[in-house]
Amino acid sequence: MFIYAMFQQYFPYELRGHAHKYTQKLVTYFYPYIQITFHELTGEKLKRSDAYFAIQNYLADHTTATAKRLKADVVKGSKSLVLTMDDHEQVMEEFQGIKIWWSSNKNTPKRPSFSFYPKTEERRYYTLTFHKRYRDVITKSYIDKVLKEGKAIAVRNRERKLYTNNPSDSWYEYQSTKWSHVQFEHPANFETLAMAENEKEAIKNDLIKFSKGKEYYTKIGKPWKRGYLLYGPPGTGKSTMIAAMANLLDYDIYDLELTTVKDNSELRKLLIETTSKSIIIIEDIDCSIDLTGQRRKEKKKYESSSSSSDEESSSSEEDDKKKDPVEKKKDEEEKKSKKGSKVTLSGLLNFIDGIWSACGGERIIVFTTNFVDKLDPALIRRGRMDRHIEMSYCCFEAFKLLARNYLDLEGHELFDRIEVLLGEKEITPADVAECLMPKSEREGVESCLRELVKVLEKLKKKKQGKKKAEEEDEVNGEENGDGASGESSSESGESSSEDDEVAGKGRKRNGKR
């Protein structure tokens, strides 16, 4: 200590660096171990290193049982309390019979920081120590293993999120982002999804195959993504299917609202900001913006009708003056919404499977619609929407699943009657679930099932009444058609006789002449 103090005080500062360098060379000549340092902050802007974060997760999962001093912390985005190695703690691990030492360290700068909120700028880092004869094994195999497992642990322990895109006007404000998020806590799963079992199994197998297909997609030269089109009437479980897909694969969800996206450039920027292991959804895409390729026709119609609308504009201006300020504000908002987004079909197609779609990986794109016929064929072709899933009305198999979920019921005497009624009348799973859900403590299994039977019979009678009315309209139409044809024939006869009389009079006149 005395020699070191004298060295620091009297040895010239210019020569200290050279002395330190040659001292390190001398030590490493006799020291058989190699050290690799992983700093927490890297780069010019001192961003947090992904490698440091992955190593922290790996060590928290593998070495907390052997470490004597631990540090507990609630990491943002994590499900539970995280235990990590405390500062200046060292643990040992074995890999293929090789002893490896990990140590956690920190440096505190001696220069004071001048700020209204003083804070010690501690720089933490991990040090990996191993024997130099195992250099190739550690650098080529072990470190890759640590980074991969650390990233997988981070994904497994993270809180899954539901994102929605912000309007572009607020992207560049202080601490603003392109996506806002909340914690995703939807409880839906494939076990409770009202759908035929064989269809559910096929969808589950397809999703699991995709999530494990990184090497396969690299082999065939395609981006690691897949598209799903969910179509069917309202209330058939399209949104529930998306939540079940996310829960099965442990993915985040990005709910993309196209009406807030101004143009194709903003759409690409939003895509870049999404992460892997996510589902990007556009719900009711047929209602979001006009993507049917008919914009030019509508524009021509608008230009032709603009001349006639100019005449009405003067009267409308007078009406606007008479309106309240609240009504004027509503009208302005409606006019802005009518202008709509400038996202084109070409831009959306590039978003799905263009060059920009290859940014990142392990993404699923889902479209939902109630009317699949309204969508452009280029938008839903195979390769863009790889799998088309029809969410249809409730079948008897789906009803039994709902009865088991809502009423803990495997069988009942009314099941046969319900099976017959479901075959005769279409009803959505949402309507069936509403009937099966008890509304009070007194309401039991019997009353719920009878409520469903009552609703189905009512729909059946309504359908029969509608069919009967259509048949009567057809009969009346045929009778009216026959009567009209008779009247027309009599009228034609009368008109022909009148023509003959006129012709006869004309002949008599000619004869007199």
Protein backbone atom coordinates (compact mmCIF):
# COMPACT_ATOMS: atom_id res chain seq x y z
CA MET A 1 0.00 0.00 0.00
CA PHE A 2 2.89 2.37 0.81
CA ILE A 3 4.61 1.62 -2.51
CA TYR A 4 1.35 2.10 -4.45
CA ALA A 5 0.71 5.44 -2.69
CA MET A 6 4.22 6.64 -3.52
CA PHE A 7 3.74 5.48 -7.09
CA GLN A 8 0.50 7.43 -7.46
CA GLN A 9 1.98 10.58 -5.90
CA TYR A 10 5.46 10.86 -7.40
CA PHE A 11 5.48 8.79 -10.59
CA PRO A 12 4.85 11.03 -13.63
CA TYR A 13 1.34 10.79 -15.02
CA GLU A 14 2.61 10.43 -18.61
CA LEU A 15 4.50 7.25 -17.72
CA ARG A 16 1.74 5.60 -15.70
CA GLY A 17 -0.07 4.35 -18.79
CA HIS A 18 3.06 2.72 -20.15
CA ALA A 19 3.84 1.18 -16.78
CA HIS A 20 0.32 -0.20 -16.48
CA LYS A 21 0.42 -1.64 -20.02
CA TYR A 22 3.71 -3.46 -19.58
CA THR A 23 2.71 -4.67 -16.13
CA GLN A 24 -0.43 -6.25 -17.62
CA LYS A 25 1.66 -7.95 -20.31
CA LEU A 26 3.99 -9.35 -17.69
CA VAL A 27 1.09 -10.67 -15.61
CA THR A 28 -0.70 -12.27 -18.59
CA TYR A 29 2.53 -14.03 -19.57
CA PHE A 30 2.37 -16.05 -16.37
CA TYR A 31 -1.44 -15.88 -15.75
CA PRO A 32 -3.19 -18.77 -17.59
CA TYR A 33 -6.74 -17.36 -17.50
CA ILE A 34 -8.66 -15.19 -19.97
CA GLN A 35 -11.24 -12.58 -18.95
CA ILE A 36 -14.13 -11.26 -21.09
CA THR A 37 -16.02 -8.18 -19.91
CA PHE A 38 -19.68 -7.42 -20.78
CA HIS A 39 -20.59 -3.81 -19.97
CA GLU A 40 -24.12 -2.70 -19.14
CA LEU A 41 -23.92 0.50 -21.20
CA THR A 42 -22.37 0.54 -24.65
CA GLY A 43 -22.06 2.86 -27.61
CA GLU A 44 -21.86 6.62 -27.82
CA LYS A 45 -25.35 7.15 -26.38
CA LEU A 46 -24.71 4.60 -23.61
CA LYS A 47 -27.65 2.39 -24.43
CA ARG A 48 -28.21 -0.72 -22.37
CA SER A 49 -26.51 -3.71 -23.94
CA ASP A 50 -28.71 -6.60 -25.08
CA ALA A 51 -25.87 -9.00 -24.26
CA TYR A 52 -25.66 -7.70 -20.68
CA PHE A 53 -29.42 -8.05 -20.24
CA ALA A 54 -29.36 -11.63 -21.61
CA ILE A 55 -26.44 -12.61 -19.32
CA GLN A 56 -28.27 -11.10 -16.35
CA ASN A 57 -31.33 -13.27 -17.08
CA TYR A 58 -29.19 -16.36 -17.59
CA LEU A 59 -27.27 -15.91 -14.33
CA ALA A 60 -30.48 -15.14 -12.43
CA ASP A 61 -31.92 -18.44 -13.62
CA HIS A 62 -28.82 -20.66 -13.31
CA THR A 63 -26.61 -19.33 -10.51
CA THR A 64 -28.93 -17.92 -7.82
CA ALA A 65 -28.83 -21.29 -6.04
CA THR A 66 -25.04 -21.06 -5.55
CA ALA A 67 -24.53 -17.31 -5.01
CA LYS A 68 -24.20 -16.17 -1.40
CA ARG A 69 -25.16 -12.54 -1.93
CA LEU A 70 -28.21 -11.75 -4.06
CA LYS A 71 -29.98 -8.59 -5.12
CA ALA A 72 -33.79 -8.50 -5.43
CA ASP A 73 -35.48 -6.12 -7.84
CA VAL A 74 -38.75 -5.70 -9.73
CA VAL A 75 -37.70 -5.38 -13.35
CA LYS A 76 -40.03 -3.40 -15.58
CA GLY A 77 -41.97 -5.74 -17.86
CA SER A 78 -41.30 -8.84 -15.77
CA LYS A 79 -43.99 -10.99 -14.16
CA SER A 80 -42.36 -11.54 -10.78
CA LEU A 81 -39.49 -10.55 -8.48
CA VAL A 82 -36.06 -11.01 -10.08
CA LEU A 83 -33.06 -12.23 -8.05
CA THR A 84 -29.62 -11.40 -9.46
CA MET A 85 -26.03 -11.49 -8.24
CA ASP A 86 -25.05 -8.64 -5.96
CA ASP A 87 -22.13 -6.36 -6.78
CA HIS A 88 -18.67 -7.93 -6.43
CA GLU A 89 -20.15 -11.43 -6.15
CA GLN A 90 -18.59 -14.42 -7.96
CA VAL A 91 -20.10 -17.78 -8.91
CA MET A 92 -18.70 -20.83 -10.67
CA GLU A 93 -20.34 -22.89 -13.42
CA GLU A 94 -19.29 -25.94 -15.43
CA PHE A 95 -19.77 -26.37 -19.17
CA GLN A 96 -18.65 -29.63 -20.81
CA GLY A 97 -16.34 -30.24 -17.85
CA ILE A 98 -14.82 -26.75 -18.06
CA LYS A 99 -14.85 -24.53 -14.99
CA ILE A 100 -16.12 -21.01 -15.65
CA TRP A 101 -16.33 -18.06 -13.26
CA TRP A 102 -18.81 -15.20 -13.49
CA SER A 103 -18.36 -12.06 -11.40
CA SER A 104 -20.56 -8.96 -11.07
CA ASN A 105 -18.69 -5.64 -10.74
CA LYS A 106 -19.28 -1.92 -10.93
CA ASN A 107 -17.25 1.24 -11.40
CA THR A 108 -18.14 4.55 -9.77
CA PRO A 109 -16.64 7.61 -11.53
CA LYS A 110 -14.54 9.84 -9.30
CA ARG A 111 -15.59 13.00 -11.15
CA PRO A 112 -18.59 14.65 -9.47
CA SER A 113 -21.70 15.23 -11.60
CA PHE A 114 -23.29 18.67 -11.49
CA SER A 115 -27.07 18.31 -11.65
CA PHE A 116 -30.21 19.41 -9.89
CA TYR A 117 -30.82 15.73 -9.15
CA PRO A 118 -27.44 14.27 -8.07
CA LYS A 119 -26.99 10.64 -9.01
CA THR A 120 -23.96 8.35 -8.91
CA GLU A 121 -23.23 7.18 -12.45
CA GLU A 122 -22.36 3.60 -11.68
CA ARG A 123 -21.19 1.48 -14.60
CA ARG A 124 -21.88 -2.20 -14.02
CA TYR A 125 -20.36 -5.09 -15.94
CA TYR A 126 -20.01 -8.87 -15.85
CA THR A 127 -16.64 -10.59 -16.13
CA LEU A 128 -16.29 -14.10 -17.55
CA THR A 129 -13.10 -15.95 -16.56
CA PHE A 130 -11.87 -19.26 -18.01
CA HIS A 131 -8.62 -21.09 -18.82
CA LYS A 132 -6.98 -20.06 -22.05
CA ARG A 133 -6.82 -23.62 -23.41
CA TYR A 134 -10.65 -23.57 -23.74
CA ARG A 135 -10.83 -20.33 -25.71
CA ASP A 136 -12.54 -21.84 -28.79
CA VAL A 137 -15.15 -23.77 -26.80
CA ILE A 138 -16.11 -20.75 -24.71
CA THR A 139 -16.19 -18.14 -27.49
CA LYS A 140 -17.90 -20.31 -30.12
CA SER A 141 -20.30 -22.43 -28.07
CA TYR A 142 -20.74 -21.31 -24.48
CA ILE A 143 -21.33 -17.59 -25.02
CA ASP A 144 -23.87 -18.27 -27.79
CA LYS A 145 -25.66 -20.69 -25.48
CA VAL A 146 -25.78 -18.11 -22.68
CA LEU A 147 -27.15 -15.36 -24.95
CA LYS A 148 -29.85 -17.59 -26.50
CA GLU A 149 -31.02 -18.95 -23.17
CA GLY A 150 -30.99 -15.48 -21.62
CA LYS A 151 -33.20 -14.07 -24.39
CA ALA A 152 -35.57 -17.05 -24.09
CA ILE A 153 -35.83 -16.52 -20.32
CA ALA A 154 -36.59 -12.83 -20.85
CA VAL A 155 -39.39 -13.70 -23.28
CA ARG A 156 -40.79 -16.32 -20.91
CA ASN A 157 -40.77 -14.00 -17.89
CA ARG A 158 -42.02 -10.87 -19.59
CA GLU A 159 -45.47 -9.33 -19.20
CA ARG A 160 -47.28 -9.68 -22.49
CA LYS A 161 -48.73 -6.46 -23.87
CA LEU A 162 -51.57 -5.25 -26.06
CA TYR A 163 -50.48 -2.36 -28.29
CA THR A 164 -52.38 0.19 -30.33
CA ASN A 165 -50.89 2.76 -32.70
CA ASN A 166 -50.85 6.46 -31.76
CA PRO A 167 -51.76 9.22 -34.24
CA SER A 168 -48.66 10.46 -36.04
CA ASP A 169 -49.22 14.02 -34.77
CA SER A 170 -48.03 12.90 -31.32
CA TRP A 171 -45.02 10.79 -32.43
CA TYR A 172 -42.45 13.53 -31.96
CA GLU A 173 -43.53 14.88 -28.60
CA TYR A 174 -41.39 14.45 -25.49
CA GLN A 175 -41.10 10.77 -24.49
CA SER A 176 -43.77 9.79 -27.01
CA THR A 177 -43.86 6.52 -28.93
CA LYS A 178 -45.59 5.20 -31.99
CA TRP A 179 -47.37 2.49 -29.98
CA SER A 180 -49.20 2.69 -26.65
CA HIS A 181 -49.68 -0.47 -24.62
CA VAL A 182 -51.48 -2.03 -21.70
CA GLN A 183 -50.94 -5.38 -20.04
CA PHE A 184 -52.54 -8.21 -21.99
CA GLU A 185 -54.64 -10.33 -19.65
CA HIS A 186 -57.26 -11.96 -21.89
CA PRO A 187 -58.07 -15.45 -20.49
CA ALA A 188 -59.19 -17.04 -23.78
CA ASN A 189 -57.68 -20.37 -24.83
CA PHE A 190 -58.41 -23.12 -27.32
CA GLU A 191 -59.89 -25.37 -24.63
CA THR A 192 -62.75 -22.89 -24.04
CA LEU A 193 -63.18 -21.82 -27.69
CA ALA A 194 -66.60 -22.80 -29.10
CA MET A 195 -65.50 -24.60 -32.25
CA ALA A 196 -65.33 -28.11 -33.66
CA GLU A 197 -62.47 -30.09 -32.10
CA ASN A 198 -60.87 -31.18 -35.37
CA GLU A 199 -60.72 -27.58 -36.61
CA LYS A 200 -59.19 -26.37 -33.34
CA GLU A 201 -56.54 -29.09 -33.39
CA ALA A 202 -55.62 -28.24 -36.98
CA ILE A 203 -55.19 -24.55 -36.12
CA LYS A 204 -53.17 -25.32 -32.97
CA ASN A 205 -50.82 -27.66 -34.84
CA ASP A 206 -50.33 -25.04 -37.57
CA LEU A 207 -49.46 -22.34 -35.01
CA ILE A 208 -47.03 -24.52 -33.06
CA LYS A 209 -45.36 -25.64 -36.29
CA PHE A 210 -44.89 -22.00 -37.28
CA SER A 211 -43.42 -20.96 -33.90
CA LYS A 212 -40.76 -23.68 -34.22
CA GLY A 213 -40.01 -23.11 -37.89
CA LYS A 214 -37.17 -20.56 -37.88
CA GLU A 215 -34.68 -22.89 -39.56
CA TYR A 216 -37.31 -24.16 -41.99
CA TYR A 217 -38.26 -20.64 -43.16
CA THR A 218 -34.57 -19.81 -43.57
CA LYS A 219 -34.11 -22.97 -45.61
CA ILE A 220 -36.95 -22.19 -48.04
CA GLY A 221 -35.94 -18.50 -48.28
CA LYS A 222 -39.11 -16.91 -46.87
CA PRO A 223 -39.55 -14.34 -44.08
CA TRP A 224 -40.58 -15.92 -40.80
CA LYS A 225 -44.19 -14.76 -40.80
CA ARG A 226 -47.64 -16.17 -41.45
CA GLY A 227 -51.03 -14.68 -42.33
CA TYR A 228 -54.47 -15.71 -41.11
CA LEU A 229 -57.85 -14.51 -42.40
CA LEU A 230 -60.74 -14.91 -39.95
CA TYR A 231 -64.13 -14.37 -41.56
CA GLY A 232 -67.70 -14.99 -40.53
CA PRO A 233 -70.81 -13.29 -39.10
CA PRO A 234 -70.57 -11.06 -36.02
CA GLY A 235 -70.51 -12.93 -32.72
CA THR A 236 -68.77 -16.06 -33.99
CA GLY A 237 -65.58 -15.59 -31.93
CA LYS A 238 -63.03 -13.95 -34.24
CA SER A 239 -61.53 -11.70 -31.54
CA THR A 240 -61.57 -14.59 -29.05
CA MET A 241 -59.66 -16.71 -31.57
CA ILE A 242 -56.92 -14.04 -31.77
CA ALA A 243 -56.60 -13.94 -27.97
CA ALA A 244 -56.40 -17.75 -27.86
CA MET A 245 -53.65 -17.70 -30.50
CA ALA A 246 -51.65 -15.15 -28.49
CA ASN A 247 -52.03 -17.15 -25.27
CA LEU A 248 -51.03 -20.39 -26.98
CA LEU A 249 -47.80 -18.95 -28.42
CA ASP A 250 -47.12 -16.43 -25.63
CA TYR A 251 -47.09 -13.54 -28.15
CA ASP A 252 -47.81 -9.83 -27.83
CA ILE A 253 -50.64 -8.26 -29.84
CA TYR A 254 -50.44 -5.12 -32.01
CA ASP A 255 -53.92 -3.82 -32.86
CA LEU A 256 -53.38 -1.67 -35.95
CA GLU A 257 -56.02 1.01 -36.55
CA LEU A 258 -55.65 1.95 -40.22
CA THR A 259 -57.87 5.04 -40.02
CA THR A 260 -55.23 6.86 -37.92
CA VAL A 261 -52.40 6.08 -40.38
CA LYS A 262 -51.95 8.92 -42.83
CA ASP A 263 -49.98 7.23 -45.62
CA ASN A 264 -47.88 4.23 -46.63
CA SER A 265 -44.71 5.70 -45.15
CA GLU A 266 -46.26 5.86 -41.68
CA LEU A 267 -47.47 2.28 -42.10
CA ARG A 268 -43.87 1.13 -42.69
CA LYS A 269 -42.62 3.07 -39.66
CA LEU A 270 -45.21 1.35 -37.48
CA LEU A 271 -44.11 -2.04 -38.81
CA ILE A 272 -40.47 -1.33 -37.95
CA GLU A 273 -41.43 -0.52 -34.35
CA THR A 274 -43.11 -3.91 -33.78
CA THR A 275 -41.17 -6.68 -32.06
CA SER A 276 -40.82 -10.35 -32.86
CA LYS A 277 -43.10 -12.91 -31.19
CA SER A 278 -46.13 -10.78 -31.91
CA ILE A 279 -49.48 -10.85 -33.69
CA ILE A 280 -50.38 -7.83 -35.83
CA ILE A 281 -54.15 -7.62 -36.28
CA ILE A 282 -56.41 -5.45 -38.44
CA GLU A 283 -59.99 -6.05 -37.34
CA ASP A 284 -62.93 -5.46 -39.71
CA ILE A 285 -60.57 -4.63 -42.54
CA ASP A 286 -63.50 -4.25 -44.93
CA CYS A 287 -64.73 -1.30 -42.81
CA SER A 288 -61.37 0.34 -42.01
CA ILE A 289 -60.51 2.06 -45.29
CA ASP A 290 -61.37 1.61 -48.95
CA LEU A 291 -59.10 -1.18 -50.22
CA THR A 292 -61.29 -2.57 -53.00
CA GLY A 293 -59.60 -0.76 -55.88
CA GLN A 294 -62.68 1.42 -56.59
CA ARG A 295 -61.19 4.74 -55.55
CA ARG A 296 -60.87 6.10 -59.06
CA LYS A 297 -64.52 5.39 -59.80
CA GLU A 298 -65.59 7.07 -56.61
CA LYS A 299 -63.38 10.04 -57.43
CA LYS A 300 -65.04 10.46 -60.83
CA LYS A 301 -68.46 10.24 -59.23
CA TYR A 302 -67.40 12.85 -56.71
CA GLU A 303 -66.12 15.21 -59.43
CA SER A 304 -69.35 14.85 -61.43
CA SER A 305 -71.47 15.50 -58.37
CA SER A 306 -69.33 18.43 -57.18
CA SER A 307 -70.87 20.78 -59.74
CA SER A 308 -74.37 20.07 -58.46
CA SER A 309 -73.24 20.32 -54.85
CA ASP A 310 -71.85 23.84 -55.46
CA GLU A 311 -75.40 25.11 -55.90
CA GLU A 312 -76.40 23.63 -52.56
CA SER A 313 -73.30 24.94 -50.76
CA SER A 314 -74.68 28.46 -50.42
CA SER A 315 -77.79 27.23 -48.64
CA SER A 316 -75.72 24.87 -46.46
CA GLU A 317 -73.48 27.77 -45.38
CA GLU A 318 -76.54 29.66 -44.15
CA ASP A 319 -77.61 26.56 -42.21
CA ASP A 320 -74.12 26.27 -40.66
CA LYS A 321 -74.40 29.78 -39.31
CA LYS A 322 -77.59 28.84 -37.49
CA LYS A 323 -76.00 25.73 -35.86
CA ASP A 324 -74.67 25.59 -32.31
CA PRO A 325 -70.87 25.52 -31.73
CA VAL A 326 -71.11 21.91 -30.54
CA GLU A 327 -72.87 20.84 -33.74
CA LYS A 328 -70.31 22.73 -35.85
CA LYS A 329 -67.48 20.90 -34.08
CA LYS A 330 -69.14 17.55 -34.76
CA ASP A 331 -69.56 18.43 -38.44
CA GLU A 332 -65.88 19.41 -38.70
CA GLU A 333 -64.82 16.09 -37.15
CA GLU A 334 -67.05 14.20 -39.59
CA LYS A 335 -65.51 16.08 -42.53
CA LYS A 336 -62.01 15.22 -41.31
CA SER A 337 -62.93 11.57 -40.92
CA LYS A 338 -64.40 11.51 -44.42
CA LYS A 339 -61.07 12.63 -45.85
CA GLY A 340 -59.76 9.31 -44.56
CA SER A 341 -56.37 7.72 -44.72
CA LYS A 342 -54.12 7.80 -47.77
CA VAL A 343 -52.99 4.22 -47.21
CA THR A 344 -53.34 2.41 -50.53
CA LEU A 345 -53.87 -1.22 -51.37
CA SER A 346 -50.32 -1.35 -52.74
CA GLY A 347 -48.93 0.01 -49.47
CA LEU A 348 -50.84 -2.56 -47.42
CA LEU A 349 -49.68 -5.38 -49.69
CA ASN A 350 -46.06 -4.29 -49.21
CA PHE A 351 -46.73 -4.15 -45.48
CA ILE A 352 -47.88 -7.79 -45.53
CA ASP A 353 -45.32 -9.48 -47.75
CA GLY A 354 -43.02 -6.83 -49.23
CA ILE A 355 -39.35 -6.28 -48.44
CA TRP A 356 -40.22 -4.38 -45.27
CA SER A 357 -42.17 -7.35 -43.93
CA ALA A 358 -38.88 -9.25 -43.49
CA CYS A 359 -37.73 -6.81 -40.76
CA GLY A 360 -37.62 -8.77 -37.53
CA GLY A 361 -39.22 -12.20 -37.54
CA GLU A 362 -41.69 -14.56 -35.93
CA ARG A 363 -44.73 -12.43 -36.67
CA ILE A 364 -48.32 -13.40 -37.41
CA ILE A 365 -50.62 -11.06 -39.36
CA VAL A 366 -54.37 -11.52 -38.84
CA PHE A 367 -57.23 -9.90 -40.75
CA THR A 368 -60.84 -10.19 -39.61
CA THR A 369 -63.92 -9.42 -41.67
CA ASN A 370 -67.64 -10.07 -41.68
CA PHE A 371 -67.86 -9.97 -45.48
CA VAL A 372 -64.95 -11.70 -47.18
CA ASP A 373 -66.41 -11.01 -50.64
CA LYS A 374 -65.78 -7.28 -50.19
CA LEU A 375 -61.99 -7.73 -49.95
CA ASP A 376 -59.68 -7.47 -52.92
CA PRO A 377 -58.50 -10.94 -54.05
CA ALA A 378 -54.89 -9.72 -54.12
CA LEU A 379 -55.13 -8.91 -50.41
CA ILE A 380 -56.22 -12.37 -49.24
CA ARG A 381 -54.47 -14.67 -51.69
CA ARG A 382 -52.28 -17.52 -50.43
CA GLY A 383 -48.85 -16.23 -49.50
CA ARG A 384 -50.35 -13.17 -47.86
CA MET A 385 -53.22 -14.69 -45.92
CA ASP A 386 -51.85 -18.23 -45.83
CA ARG A 387 -54.76 -19.80 -43.94
CA HIS A 388 -58.43 -18.86 -44.23
CA ILE A 389 -60.49 -19.76 -41.15
CA GLU A 390 -64.26 -19.54 -41.33
CA MET A 391 -65.85 -18.70 -37.99
CA SER A 392 -69.33 -20.10 -38.52
CA TYR A 393 -72.50 -20.43 -36.49
CA CYS A 394 -72.76 -22.61 -33.39
CA CYS A 395 -72.92 -26.35 -34.04
CA PHE A 396 -73.98 -29.00 -31.52
CA GLU A 397 -70.37 -29.89 -30.72
CA ALA A 398 -69.61 -26.26 -29.92
CA PHE A 399 -72.79 -26.08 -27.81
CA LYS A 400 -71.67 -29.06 -25.69
CA LEU A 401 -68.36 -27.29 -25.06
CA LEU A 402 -70.18 -24.11 -23.99
CA ALA A 403 -72.49 -26.12 -21.71
CA ARG A 404 -69.45 -27.73 -20.09
CA ASN A 405 -67.72 -24.36 -19.63
CA TYR A 406 -70.72 -22.33 -18.42
CA LEU A 407 -72.79 -24.95 -16.56
CA ASP A 408 -70.32 -27.79 -15.83
CA LEU A 409 -72.75 -30.00 -17.69
CA GLU A 410 -71.90 -33.12 -19.73
CA GLY A 411 -75.45 -34.21 -20.64
CA HIS A 412 -79.15 -33.38 -20.17
CA GLU A 413 -82.54 -34.50 -21.45
CA LEU A 414 -82.92 -31.24 -23.39
CA PHE A 415 -79.73 -31.85 -25.39
CA ASP A 416 -81.59 -33.85 -28.07
CA ARG A 417 -84.12 -31.08 -28.56
CA ILE A 418 -81.35 -28.48 -28.74
CA GLU A 419 -79.42 -30.56 -31.30
CA VAL A 420 -82.49 -30.66 -33.57
CA LEU A 421 -83.09 -26.92 -33.22
CA LEU A 422 -79.43 -26.07 -33.91
CA GLY A 423 -79.67 -28.06 -37.12
CA GLU A 424 -82.73 -26.09 -38.21
CA LYS A 425 -81.75 -22.56 -37.19
CA GLU A 426 -78.46 -20.62 -37.27
CA ILE A 427 -77.35 -18.94 -34.05
CA THR A 428 -73.96 -17.48 -33.07
CA PRO A 429 -71.88 -18.85 -30.19
CA ALA A 430 -72.17 -15.45 -28.48
CA ASP A 431 -75.98 -15.75 -28.36
CA VAL A 432 -75.76 -19.32 -27.06
CA ALA A 433 -73.28 -18.30 -24.37
CA GLU A 434 -75.56 -15.47 -23.25
CA CYS A 435 -78.44 -17.93 -22.81
CA LEU A 436 -76.28 -20.38 -20.87
CA MET A 437 -74.87 -17.81 -18.47
CA PRO A 438 -76.83 -17.72 -15.18
CA LYS A 439 -78.22 -14.25 -14.47
CA SER A 440 -78.80 -14.76 -10.74
CA GLU A 441 -78.05 -17.13 -7.87
CA ARG A 442 -81.47 -18.74 -8.18
CA GLU A 443 -81.12 -19.50 -11.86
CA GLY A 444 -79.88 -23.05 -12.47
CA VAL A 445 -79.07 -25.45 -15.28
CA GLU A 446 -82.68 -26.22 -16.17
CA SER A 447 -83.72 -22.59 -16.58
CA CYS A 448 -80.66 -21.74 -18.70
CA LEU A 449 -81.27 -24.63 -21.09
CA ARG A 450 -84.98 -23.84 -21.37
CA GLU A 451 -84.08 -20.22 -22.13
CA LEU A 452 -81.91 -21.43 -25.00
CA VAL A 453 -84.68 -23.72 -26.29
CA LYS A 454 -87.13 -20.81 -26.10
CA VAL A 455 -84.79 -18.55 -28.11
CA LEU A 456 -84.17 -21.24 -30.75
CA GLU A 457 -87.90 -21.97 -31.13
CA LYS A 458 -88.63 -18.26 -31.44
CA LEU A 459 -86.01 -17.96 -34.20
CA LYS A 460 -87.49 -21.04 -35.90
CA LYS A 461 -91.01 -19.57 -35.88
CA LYS A 462 -89.67 -16.28 -37.17
CA LYS A 463 -87.89 -18.10 -39.98
CA GLN A 464 -91.04 -20.09 -40.85
CA GLY A 465 -93.16 -16.93 -40.81
CA LYS A 466 -90.69 -15.18 -43.08
CA LYS A 467 -90.62 -18.13 -45.46
CA LYS A 468 -94.44 -18.28 -45.53
CA ALA A 469 -94.65 -14.56 -46.26
CA GLU A 470 -92.18 -14.95 -49.14
CA GLU A 471 -94.25 -17.80 -50.60
CA GLU A 472 -97.45 -15.71 -50.37
CA ASP A 473 -95.67 -12.83 -52.08
CA GLU A 474 -94.64 -15.17 -54.89
CA VAL A 475 -98.20 -16.49 -55.30
CA ASN A 476 -99.65 -12.98 -55.28
CA GLY A 477 -97.05 -11.91 -57.77
CA GLU A 478 -97.97 -14.73 -60.13
CA GLU A 479 -101.71 -13.94 -59.81
CA ASN A 480 -101.08 -10.28 -60.42
CA GLY A 481 -98.99 -11.20 -63.42
CA ASP A 482 -101.80 -13.32 -64.93
CA GLY A 483 -104.41 -10.63 -64.31
CA ALA A 484 -102.21 -7.99 -65.79
CA SER A 485 -101.61 -10.11 -68.89
CA GLY A 486 -105.43 -10.60 -69.32
CA GLU A 487 -106.09 -6.92 -68.99
CA SER A 488 -103.33 -6.13 -71.43
CA SER A 489 -104.76 -8.60 -73.96
CA SER A 490 -108.29 -7.11 -73.63
CA GLU A 491 -106.88 -3.64 -73.95
CA SER A 492 -104.95 -4.70 -77.01
CA GLY A 493 -108.15 -6.23 -78.43
CA GLU A 494 -110.10 -3.05 -77.85
CA SER A 495 -107.36 -0.97 -79.34
CA SER A 496 -107.22 -3.24 -82.41
CA SER A 497 -111.00 -3.00 -82.93
CA GLU A 498 -110.80 0.76 -82.66
CA ASP A 499 -108.05 0.76 -85.26
CA ASP A 500 -110.19 -1.37 -87.58
CA GLU A 501 -113.10 1.07 -87.29
CA VAL A 502 -110.85 3.98 -88.08
CA ALA A 503 -109.40 2.12 -91.03
CA GLY A 504 -112.92 1.31 -92.31
CA LYS A 505 -114.01 4.94 -92.14
CA GLY A 506 -110.90 5.87 -94.02
CA ARG A 507 -111.73 3.45 -96.82
CA LYS A 508 -115.31 4.79 -97.12
CA ARG A 509 -113.98 8.33 -97.44
CA ASN A 510 -111.56 7.24 -100.13
CA GLY A 511 -114.41 5.53 -101.99
CA LYS A 512 -116.54 8.66 -101.96
CA ARG A 513 -113.63 10.61 -103.33
